[in-house]
Amino acid sequence: MFESVFDGISIAQPLGRPRMRPTCAAGDKGYSSRRIRDWLRRHGIGVVIPHKDNEQARRDGRTKFDKAAYRRRSIIENVIGWLKECRRVATRFEKLAINFTAMLQLAMIQNCLRIAFSDRA
């Protein structure tokens, strides 16, 4: 499934057609497999995935792990956490993809409005 998800990506650009490949991909240790790492390297995508403890990692100094890029994953994790607060999205009551996408958009709008009009802002 990893390859099919990345093949469906299009990143909007200010000018011109959308890019089809991100510059790097960050994932947790669940995505740490030789197949995924090789696929990302073949397609010119940077790998920001920590090695598993039981995995033979390259310790020769050639493999660098970008901790700052890995920490930016928390943005995505927080968004997923916010979406799980919306029961209709978390349990996926909507079975059609177009309706589910609309519910995702409504949930994001609700969160933005909650932040914009909260007492803390």
C-alpha atoms as a PDB file:
ATOM      1  CA  MET A   1       0.000   0.000   0.000  1.00  0.00           C
ATOM      2  CA  PHE A   2       2.907   2.370   0.624  1.00  0.00           C
ATOM      3  CA  GLU A   3       3.849   2.642  -3.044  1.00  0.00           C
ATOM      4  CA  SER A   4       0.262   3.183  -4.212  1.00  0.00           C
ATOM      5  CA  VAL A   5      -0.251   5.980  -1.664  1.00  0.00           C
ATOM      6  CA  PHE A   6       2.903   7.776  -2.788  1.00  0.00           C
ATOM      7  CA  ASP A   7       1.959   7.352  -6.450  1.00  0.00           C
ATOM      8  CA  GLY A   8      -1.287   9.240  -5.768  1.00  0.00           C
ATOM      9  CA  ILE A   9       0.396  12.313  -4.266  1.00  0.00           C
ATOM     10  CA  SER A  10       0.329  15.682  -5.996  1.00  0.00           C
ATOM     11  CA  ILE A  11       1.779  18.714  -4.228  1.00  0.00           C
ATOM     12  CA  ALA A  12       0.346  22.050  -5.351  1.00  0.00           C
ATOM     13  CA  GLN A  13       2.873  24.666  -6.449  1.00  0.00           C
ATOM     14  CA  PRO A  14       2.405  28.461  -6.665  1.00  0.00           C
ATOM     15  CA  LEU A  15       3.188  28.341 -10.382  1.00  0.00           C
ATOM     16  CA  GLY A  16       3.066  25.509 -12.855  1.00  0.00           C
ATOM     17  CA  ARG A  17       1.887  21.977 -12.544  1.00  0.00           C
ATOM     18  CA  PRO A  18       1.899  20.119  -9.213  1.00  0.00           C
ATOM     19  CA  ARG A  19       4.934  18.121  -8.136  1.00  0.00           C
ATOM     20  CA  MET A  20       4.405  14.399  -8.002  1.00  0.00           C
ATOM     21  CA  ARG A  21       7.090  13.584  -5.419  1.00  0.00           C
ATOM     22  CA  PRO A  22       7.791  15.112  -2.009  1.00  0.00           C
ATOM     23  CA  THR A  23      11.356  16.062  -1.083  1.00  0.00           C
ATOM     24  CA  CYS A  24      11.393  13.746   1.944  1.00  0.00           C
ATOM     25  CA  ALA A  25       9.152  11.279   3.742  1.00  0.00           C
ATOM     26  CA  ALA A  26       9.034  11.011   7.528  1.00  0.00           C
ATOM     27  CA  GLY A  27       7.592   7.998   9.265  1.00  0.00           C
ATOM     28  CA  ASP A  28       7.805   6.149  12.526  1.00  0.00           C
ATOM     29  CA  LYS A  29       9.574   2.848  13.089  1.00  0.00           C
ATOM     30  CA  GLY A  30       6.614   0.968  11.613  1.00  0.00           C
ATOM     31  CA  TYR A  31       7.758   2.146   8.154  1.00  0.00           C
ATOM     32  CA  SER A  32      11.333   1.047   8.700  1.00  0.00           C
ATOM     33  CA  SER A  33      11.760  -1.706   6.153  1.00  0.00           C
ATOM     34  CA  ARG A  34      14.349  -2.264   3.449  1.00  0.00           C
ATOM     35  CA  ARG A  35      11.657  -2.301   0.736  1.00  0.00           C
ATOM     36  CA  ILE A  36      10.243   1.117   1.701  1.00  0.00           C
ATOM     37  CA  ARG A  37      13.684   2.687   2.115  1.00  0.00           C
ATOM     38  CA  ASP A  38      14.852   1.361  -1.271  1.00  0.00           C
ATOM     39  CA  TRP A  39      11.666   2.554  -3.007  1.00  0.00           C
ATOM     40  CA  LEU A  40      12.058   6.057  -1.568  1.00  0.00           C
ATOM     41  CA  ARG A  41      15.725   6.237  -2.590  1.00  0.00           C
ATOM     42  CA  ARG A  42      14.971   5.018  -6.134  1.00  0.00           C
ATOM     43  CA  HIS A  43      12.441   7.830  -6.515  1.00  0.00           C
ATOM     44  CA  GLY A  44      14.758  10.499  -5.096  1.00  0.00           C
ATOM     45  CA  ILE A  45      12.791  11.040  -1.886  1.00  0.00           C
ATOM     46  CA  GLY A  46      14.701  11.685   1.314  1.00  0.00           C
ATOM     47  CA  VAL A  47      14.184   9.136   4.097  1.00  0.00           C
ATOM     48  CA  VAL A  48      13.487  10.350   7.645  1.00  0.00           C
ATOM     49  CA  ILE A  49      12.604   7.062   9.323  1.00  0.00           C
ATOM     50  CA  PRO A  50      14.387   5.816  12.452  1.00  0.00           C
ATOM     51  CA  HIS A  51      15.731   2.272  12.408  1.00  0.00           C
ATOM     52  CA  LYS A  52      14.127  -0.365  14.596  1.00  0.00           C
ATOM     53  CA  ASP A  53      16.104  -1.635  17.560  1.00  0.00           C
ATOM     54  CA  ASN A  54      16.256  -5.132  16.101  1.00  0.00           C
ATOM     55  CA  GLU A  55      17.184  -3.874  12.619  1.00  0.00           C
ATOM     56  CA  GLN A  56      20.704  -3.853  11.253  1.00  0.00           C
ATOM     57  CA  ALA A  57      21.234  -0.111  10.761  1.00  0.00           C
ATOM     58  CA  ARG A  58      24.176   1.379   8.929  1.00  0.00           C
ATOM     59  CA  ARG A  59      26.481   2.621  11.630  1.00  0.00           C
ATOM     60  CA  ASP A  60      29.310   3.708   9.340  1.00  0.00           C
ATOM     61  CA  GLY A  61      28.415   7.414   9.500  1.00  0.00           C
ATOM     62  CA  ARG A  62      27.061   7.640   5.950  1.00  0.00           C
ATOM     63  CA  THR A  63      23.449   7.401   7.087  1.00  0.00           C
ATOM     64  CA  LYS A  64      22.301  10.636   8.738  1.00  0.00           C
ATOM     65  CA  PHE A  65      19.059  10.956  10.667  1.00  0.00           C
ATOM     66  CA  ASP A  66      17.449  14.407  10.529  1.00  0.00           C
ATOM     67  CA  LYS A  67      15.952  14.844  14.003  1.00  0.00           C
ATOM     68  CA  ALA A  68      14.463  18.271  13.210  1.00  0.00           C
ATOM     69  CA  ALA A  69      12.532  16.901  10.220  1.00  0.00           C
ATOM     70  CA  TYR A  70      11.363  13.941  12.290  1.00  0.00           C
ATOM     71  CA  ARG A  71      10.025  16.249  15.015  1.00  0.00           C
ATOM     72  CA  ARG A  72       7.841  18.033  12.445  1.00  0.00           C
ATOM     73  CA  ARG A  73       5.833  14.802  12.236  1.00  0.00           C
ATOM     74  CA  SER A  74       4.085  15.936  15.416  1.00  0.00           C
ATOM     75  CA  ILE A  75       2.037  18.391  13.327  1.00  0.00           C
ATOM     76  CA  ILE A  76       0.488  15.506  11.407  1.00  0.00           C
ATOM     77  CA  GLU A  77       0.032  13.453  14.570  1.00  0.00           C
ATOM     78  CA  ASN A  78      -1.816  16.375  16.207  1.00  0.00           C
ATOM     79  CA  VAL A  79      -4.103  16.813  13.193  1.00  0.00           C
ATOM     80  CA  ILE A  80      -4.996  13.120  13.266  1.00  0.00           C
ATOM     81  CA  GLY A  81      -5.682  13.426  16.990  1.00  0.00           C
ATOM     82  CA  TRP A  82      -7.984  16.386  16.348  1.00  0.00           C
ATOM     83  CA  LEU A  83      -9.826  14.460  13.653  1.00  0.00           C
ATOM     84  CA  LYS A  84     -10.372  11.536  16.008  1.00  0.00           C
ATOM     85  CA  GLU A  85     -12.251  13.900  18.328  1.00  0.00           C
ATOM     86  CA  CYS A  86     -14.906  14.159  15.629  1.00  0.00           C
ATOM     87  CA  ARG A  87     -16.858  10.930  16.150  1.00  0.00           C
ATOM     88  CA  ARG A  88     -18.379  10.908  12.687  1.00  0.00           C
ATOM     89  CA  VAL A  89     -14.910  10.985  11.082  1.00  0.00           C
ATOM     90  CA  ALA A  90     -13.256   8.579  13.529  1.00  0.00           C
ATOM     91  CA  THR A  91     -15.873   5.848  13.037  1.00  0.00           C
ATOM     92  CA  ARG A  92     -16.296   6.662   9.332  1.00  0.00           C
ATOM     93  CA  PHE A  93     -20.067   6.815   9.199  1.00  0.00           C
ATOM     94  CA  GLU A  94     -19.811   8.073   5.617  1.00  0.00           C
ATOM     95  CA  LYS A  95     -19.069   5.165   3.300  1.00  0.00           C
ATOM     96  CA  LEU A  96     -18.703   7.096   0.025  1.00  0.00           C
ATOM     97  CA  ALA A  97     -15.323   8.743  -0.435  1.00  0.00           C
ATOM     98  CA  ILE A  98     -16.796  12.086  -1.534  1.00  0.00           C
ATOM     99  CA  ASN A  99     -18.990  12.282   1.576  1.00  0.00           C
ATOM    100  CA  PHE A 100     -16.112  11.254   3.846  1.00  0.00           C
ATOM    101  CA  THR A 101     -13.884  13.941   2.296  1.00  0.00           C
ATOM    102  CA  ALA A 102     -16.618  16.516   2.934  1.00  0.00           C
ATOM    103  CA  MET A 103     -16.820  15.436   6.592  1.00  0.00           C
ATOM    104  CA  LEU A 104     -13.029  15.729   6.898  1.00  0.00           C
ATOM    105  CA  GLN A 105     -13.219  19.265   5.544  1.00  0.00           C
ATOM    106  CA  LEU A 106     -16.027  20.168   7.946  1.00  0.00           C
ATOM    107  CA  ALA A 107     -14.068  18.761  10.872  1.00  0.00           C
ATOM    108  CA  MET A 108     -11.014  20.836   9.908  1.00  0.00           C
ATOM    109  CA  ILE A 109     -13.163  23.972   9.538  1.00  0.00           C
ATOM    110  CA  GLN A 110     -14.671  23.302  12.971  1.00  0.00           C
ATOM    111  CA  ASN A 111     -11.202  22.999  14.518  1.00  0.00           C
ATOM    112  CA  CYS A 112      -9.988  26.192  12.832  1.00  0.00           C
ATOM    113  CA  LEU A 113     -13.035  28.093  14.077  1.00  0.00           C
ATOM    114  CA  ARG A 114     -12.588  26.663  17.572  1.00  0.00           C
ATOM    115  CA  ILE A 115      -8.979  27.921  17.622  1.00  0.00           C
ATOM    116  CA  ALA A 116      -9.816  31.295  16.081  1.00  0.00           C
ATOM    117  CA  PHE A 117     -12.662  32.078  18.464  1.00  0.00           C
ATOM    118  CA  SER A 118     -11.362  30.523  21.661  1.00  0.00           C
ATOM    119  CA  ASP A 119     -10.686  32.560  24.787  1.00  0.00           C
ATOM    120  CA  ARG A 120      -7.007  31.584  24.658  1.00  0.00           C
ATOM    121  CA  ALA A 121      -6.326  33.323  21.320  1.00  0.00           C
END
